[in-house]
Structure formats: C-alpha cells, structure tokens
Amino acid sequence: QVQLVESGGGLVQAGGSLRLSCAASGRTVSSYRMGWFRQAPGKEREFVAAINWNGGITHFGDSVKGRFTISRDNAKNTVYLQMNSLKPEDTAVYFCAADPRGGVVLISAYDYWGQGTQVTVSS
C-alpha cells in the first residue's frame, strides 16, 4: 500500500506562488508515474499535472500550462507542484495520486490518492 500526504497549501494573493509537496510512504514510488489533480467547490475533479518515473516526461492541464511545473525527488519519495502566477480560479483542493494503470489524465486510472491540501487564491 502507498500512503500519500500533501502539504504546502494555503492562502495567497493573485500573482503569487506556492509549492505543494506530496510525500509517499509505505513503499517507494520511484518507479511510479505520479499526478496532481484539483477540485473546486461544486466542480468535478480535474487533471493538473503528471510526471513519469524519472521526471523526463511531464504533462499539464491546459489551464495551468506555462504557470505550473511538476518535479520529483525519488530519494525523498516526494513529488512537487510549483505553482506560479496563481489566479483566483486556481482555488481548489489539490490532490496527489500515484501509479495510474492507464492514461495519466484519467482519475479512474489511479489507485492511490492523498487527502488533499487547500489552495486559496485571493483577488
């Protein structure tokens, strides 16, 4: 089993930055693809970003391209989401997920999820 714990969320003004962390435990995730998703109040969970096992391949949702980056430190069993130029519409709970069985943008493909961390962007 893999346990995922997100951290780094908070309140930030529009245009600011935050870095989210996703720490894995239970087993190493160094060989897993990892993803970030978010869910705003009253909306469906949506894909934000994903990264392959060594960080060489990344994918981003259209709404965050050019503003967010994803990275990982396999020695620390941790994945990061650097969020720059934040907008009020980025306000959501951000979730980390591990080991998709299919396409990285598919929520249903992931077996392991964290509890989420709240990000609030004020205008």
C-alpha atoms as a PDB file:
ATOM      1  CA  GLN A   1       0.000   0.000   0.000  1.00  0.00           C
ATOM      2  CA  VAL A   2       1.069   3.556  -0.678  1.00  0.00           C
ATOM      3  CA  GLN A   3       0.119   6.457   1.555  1.00  0.00           C
ATOM      4  CA  LEU A   4       0.292   9.959   0.122  1.00  0.00           C
ATOM      5  CA  VAL A   5       0.302  13.163   2.151  1.00  0.00           C
ATOM      6  CA  GLU A   6       0.048  16.566   0.512  1.00  0.00           C
ATOM      7  CA  SER A   7       1.316  19.758   2.108  1.00  0.00           C
ATOM      8  CA  GLY A   8       2.136  23.332   1.200  1.00  0.00           C
ATOM      9  CA  GLY A   9      -1.320  24.671   0.542  1.00  0.00           C
ATOM     10  CA  GLY A  10      -2.542  27.968   1.916  1.00  0.00           C
ATOM     11  CA  LEU A  11      -3.845  31.420   1.139  1.00  0.00           C
ATOM     12  CA  VAL A  12      -2.012  33.507  -1.451  1.00  0.00           C
ATOM     13  CA  GLN A  13      -2.774  36.622  -3.427  1.00  0.00           C
ATOM     14  CA  ALA A  14      -3.319  36.516  -7.159  1.00  0.00           C
ATOM     15  CA  GLY A  15       0.010  36.535  -8.969  1.00  0.00           C
ATOM     16  CA  GLY A  16       1.746  34.763  -6.113  1.00  0.00           C
ATOM     17  CA  SER A  17       3.337  31.338  -5.893  1.00  0.00           C
ATOM     18  CA  LEU A  18       3.045  28.189  -3.828  1.00  0.00           C
ATOM     19  CA  ARG A  19       4.874  24.881  -3.865  1.00  0.00           C
ATOM     20  CA  LEU A  20       2.930  21.779  -2.968  1.00  0.00           C
ATOM     21  CA  SER A  21       4.618  18.608  -1.797  1.00  0.00           C
ATOM     22  CA  CYS A  22       3.373  15.049  -1.900  1.00  0.00           C
ATOM     23  CA  ALA A  23       5.231  12.705   0.401  1.00  0.00           C
ATOM     24  CA  ALA A  24       4.784   8.993  -0.154  1.00  0.00           C
ATOM     25  CA  SER A  25       5.219   6.254   2.412  1.00  0.00           C
ATOM     26  CA  GLY A  26       4.574   2.553   2.633  1.00  0.00           C
ATOM     27  CA  ARG A  27       6.643   1.770  -0.421  1.00  0.00           C
ATOM     28  CA  THR A  28       8.876   3.594  -2.794  1.00  0.00           C
ATOM     29  CA  VAL A  29       7.136   5.395  -5.633  1.00  0.00           C
ATOM     30  CA  SER A  30      10.319   5.916  -7.608  1.00  0.00           C
ATOM     31  CA  SER A  31       9.049   3.716 -10.441  1.00  0.00           C
ATOM     32  CA  TYR A  32       5.526   5.156 -10.466  1.00  0.00           C
ATOM     33  CA  ARG A  33       4.051   7.832 -12.599  1.00  0.00           C
ATOM     34  CA  MET A  34       2.562  10.469 -10.327  1.00  0.00           C
ATOM     35  CA  GLY A  35      -0.178  13.014 -10.844  1.00  0.00           C
ATOM     36  CA  TRP A  36      -1.760  16.101  -9.358  1.00  0.00           C
ATOM     37  CA  PHE A  37      -5.454  16.842  -9.598  1.00  0.00           C
ATOM     38  CA  ARG A  38      -7.656  19.560  -8.143  1.00  0.00           C
ATOM     39  CA  GLN A  39     -11.278  20.003  -7.225  1.00  0.00           C
ATOM     40  CA  ALA A  40     -13.003  23.323  -6.750  1.00  0.00           C
ATOM     41  CA  PRO A  41     -16.280  23.638  -4.846  1.00  0.00           C
ATOM     42  CA  GLY A  42     -19.174  22.401  -6.939  1.00  0.00           C
ATOM     43  CA  LYS A  43     -16.909  21.221  -9.735  1.00  0.00           C
ATOM     44  CA  GLU A  44     -15.532  17.906 -10.871  1.00  0.00           C
ATOM     45  CA  ARG A  45     -12.011  16.867 -10.070  1.00  0.00           C
ATOM     46  CA  GLU A  46      -9.684  17.822 -12.897  1.00  0.00           C
ATOM     47  CA  PHE A  47      -6.232  16.859 -14.068  1.00  0.00           C
ATOM     48  CA  VAL A  48      -3.449  19.335 -13.298  1.00  0.00           C
ATOM     49  CA  ALA A  49      -0.109  17.682 -13.983  1.00  0.00           C
ATOM     50  CA  ALA A  50       1.700  14.356 -14.172  1.00  0.00           C
ATOM     51  CA  ILE A  51       5.266  13.147 -14.245  1.00  0.00           C
ATOM     52  CA  ASN A  52       6.939   9.918 -15.250  1.00  0.00           C
ATOM     53  CA  TRP A  53       9.261   7.907 -13.027  1.00  0.00           C
ATOM     54  CA  ASN A  54      12.433   9.892 -13.645  1.00  0.00           C
ATOM     55  CA  GLY A  55      10.975  13.310 -14.325  1.00  0.00           C
ATOM     56  CA  GLY A  56      11.812  13.206 -18.007  1.00  0.00           C
ATOM     57  CA  ILE A  57       8.218  13.394 -19.198  1.00  0.00           C
ATOM     58  CA  THR A  58       5.607  15.772 -17.859  1.00  0.00           C
ATOM     59  CA  HIS A  59       2.034  16.609 -18.797  1.00  0.00           C
ATOM     60  CA  PHE A  60      -0.099  19.583 -17.818  1.00  0.00           C
ATOM     61  CA  GLY A  61      -3.709  20.554 -17.998  1.00  0.00           C
ATOM     62  CA  ASP A  62      -4.441  23.373 -20.418  1.00  0.00           C
ATOM     63  CA  SER A  63      -5.441  25.762 -17.654  1.00  0.00           C
ATOM     64  CA  VAL A  64      -2.046  25.562 -15.920  1.00  0.00           C
ATOM     65  CA  LYS A  65       0.397  25.216 -18.811  1.00  0.00           C
ATOM     66  CA  GLY A  66       3.194  27.744 -18.588  1.00  0.00           C
ATOM     67  CA  ARG A  67       2.435  28.546 -14.939  1.00  0.00           C
ATOM     68  CA  PHE A  68       2.846  25.246 -13.068  1.00  0.00           C
ATOM     69  CA  THR A  69       5.730  22.812 -13.051  1.00  0.00           C
ATOM     70  CA  ILE A  70       5.936  19.303 -11.625  1.00  0.00           C
ATOM     71  CA  SER A  71       9.060  17.634 -10.325  1.00  0.00           C
ATOM     72  CA  ARG A  72      10.093  14.764  -8.114  1.00  0.00           C
ATOM     73  CA  ASP A  73      12.857  13.694  -5.771  1.00  0.00           C
ATOM     74  CA  ASN A  74      12.904   9.924  -5.739  1.00  0.00           C
ATOM     75  CA  ALA A  75      15.457   9.858  -2.945  1.00  0.00           C
ATOM     76  CA  LYS A  76      12.876  11.599  -0.767  1.00  0.00           C
ATOM     77  CA  ASN A  77       9.902   9.712  -2.217  1.00  0.00           C
ATOM     78  CA  THR A  78       8.310  13.097  -2.863  1.00  0.00           C
ATOM     79  CA  VAL A  79       6.652  14.870  -5.765  1.00  0.00           C
ATOM     80  CA  TYR A  80       6.271  18.636  -6.040  1.00  0.00           C
ATOM     81  CA  LEU A  81       3.942  21.024  -7.790  1.00  0.00           C
ATOM     82  CA  GLN A  82       5.320  24.528  -8.229  1.00  0.00           C
ATOM     83  CA  MET A  83       2.501  26.955  -8.908  1.00  0.00           C
ATOM     84  CA  ASN A  84       3.337  30.418 -10.201  1.00  0.00           C
ATOM     85  CA  SER A  85       1.207  33.327 -11.395  1.00  0.00           C
ATOM     86  CA  LEU A  86      -1.698  31.996  -9.401  1.00  0.00           C
ATOM     87  CA  LYS A  87      -5.217  33.093 -10.283  1.00  0.00           C
ATOM     88  CA  PRO A  88      -8.408  33.056  -8.220  1.00  0.00           C
ATOM     89  CA  GLU A  89      -9.676  30.270 -10.478  1.00  0.00           C
ATOM     90  CA  ASP A  90      -6.826  28.077  -9.218  1.00  0.00           C
ATOM     91  CA  THR A  91      -8.593  27.927  -5.854  1.00  0.00           C
ATOM     92  CA  ALA A  92      -9.286  24.274  -5.107  1.00  0.00           C
ATOM     93  CA  VAL A  93      -8.287  21.288  -3.058  1.00  0.00           C
ATOM     94  CA  TYR A  94      -5.210  19.766  -4.655  1.00  0.00           C
ATOM     95  CA  PHE A  95      -4.724  16.016  -4.604  1.00  0.00           C
ATOM     96  CA  CYS A  96      -1.714  13.867  -5.287  1.00  0.00           C
ATOM     97  CA  ALA A  97      -2.156  10.459  -6.918  1.00  0.00           C
ATOM     98  CA  ALA A  98       0.140   7.567  -7.730  1.00  0.00           C
ATOM     99  CA  ASP A  99       0.590   4.717 -10.164  1.00  0.00           C
ATOM    100  CA  PRO A 100      -2.004   5.165 -12.887  1.00  0.00           C
ATOM    101  CA  ARG A 101      -2.960   1.992 -14.711  1.00  0.00           C
ATOM    102  CA  GLY A 102      -3.775   3.923 -17.847  1.00  0.00           C
ATOM    103  CA  GLY A 103      -3.666   7.462 -19.099  1.00  0.00           C
ATOM    104  CA  VAL A 104      -2.259   9.898 -16.577  1.00  0.00           C
ATOM    105  CA  VAL A 105      -5.126  12.363 -17.054  1.00  0.00           C
ATOM    106  CA  LEU A 106      -7.745   9.801 -16.051  1.00  0.00           C
ATOM    107  CA  ILE A 107      -8.933   9.956 -12.444  1.00  0.00           C
ATOM    108  CA  SER A 108     -10.111   6.360 -12.654  1.00  0.00           C
ATOM    109  CA  ALA A 109      -6.611   5.165 -13.575  1.00  0.00           C
ATOM    110  CA  TYR A 110      -5.117   5.950 -10.182  1.00  0.00           C
ATOM    111  CA  ASP A 111      -5.228   3.558  -7.244  1.00  0.00           C
ATOM    112  CA  TYR A 112      -3.632   5.755  -4.603  1.00  0.00           C
ATOM    113  CA  TRP A 113      -4.756   9.216  -3.507  1.00  0.00           C
ATOM    114  CA  GLY A 114      -3.841  11.664  -0.795  1.00  0.00           C
ATOM    115  CA  GLN A 115      -6.324  13.583   1.332  1.00  0.00           C
ATOM    116  CA  GLY A 116      -5.675  16.871  -0.404  1.00  0.00           C
ATOM    117  CA  THR A 117      -4.429  20.311   0.535  1.00  0.00           C
ATOM    118  CA  GLN A 118      -6.429  23.512   0.186  1.00  0.00           C
ATOM    119  CA  VAL A 119      -5.147  26.289  -2.044  1.00  0.00           C
ATOM    120  CA  THR A 120      -6.979  29.597  -1.932  1.00  0.00           C
ATOM    121  CA  VAL A 121      -6.058  32.460  -4.231  1.00  0.00           C
ATOM    122  CA  SER A 122      -7.489  35.856  -3.365  1.00  0.00           C
ATOM    123  CA  SER A 123      -8.074  38.556  -5.955  1.00  0.00           C
END
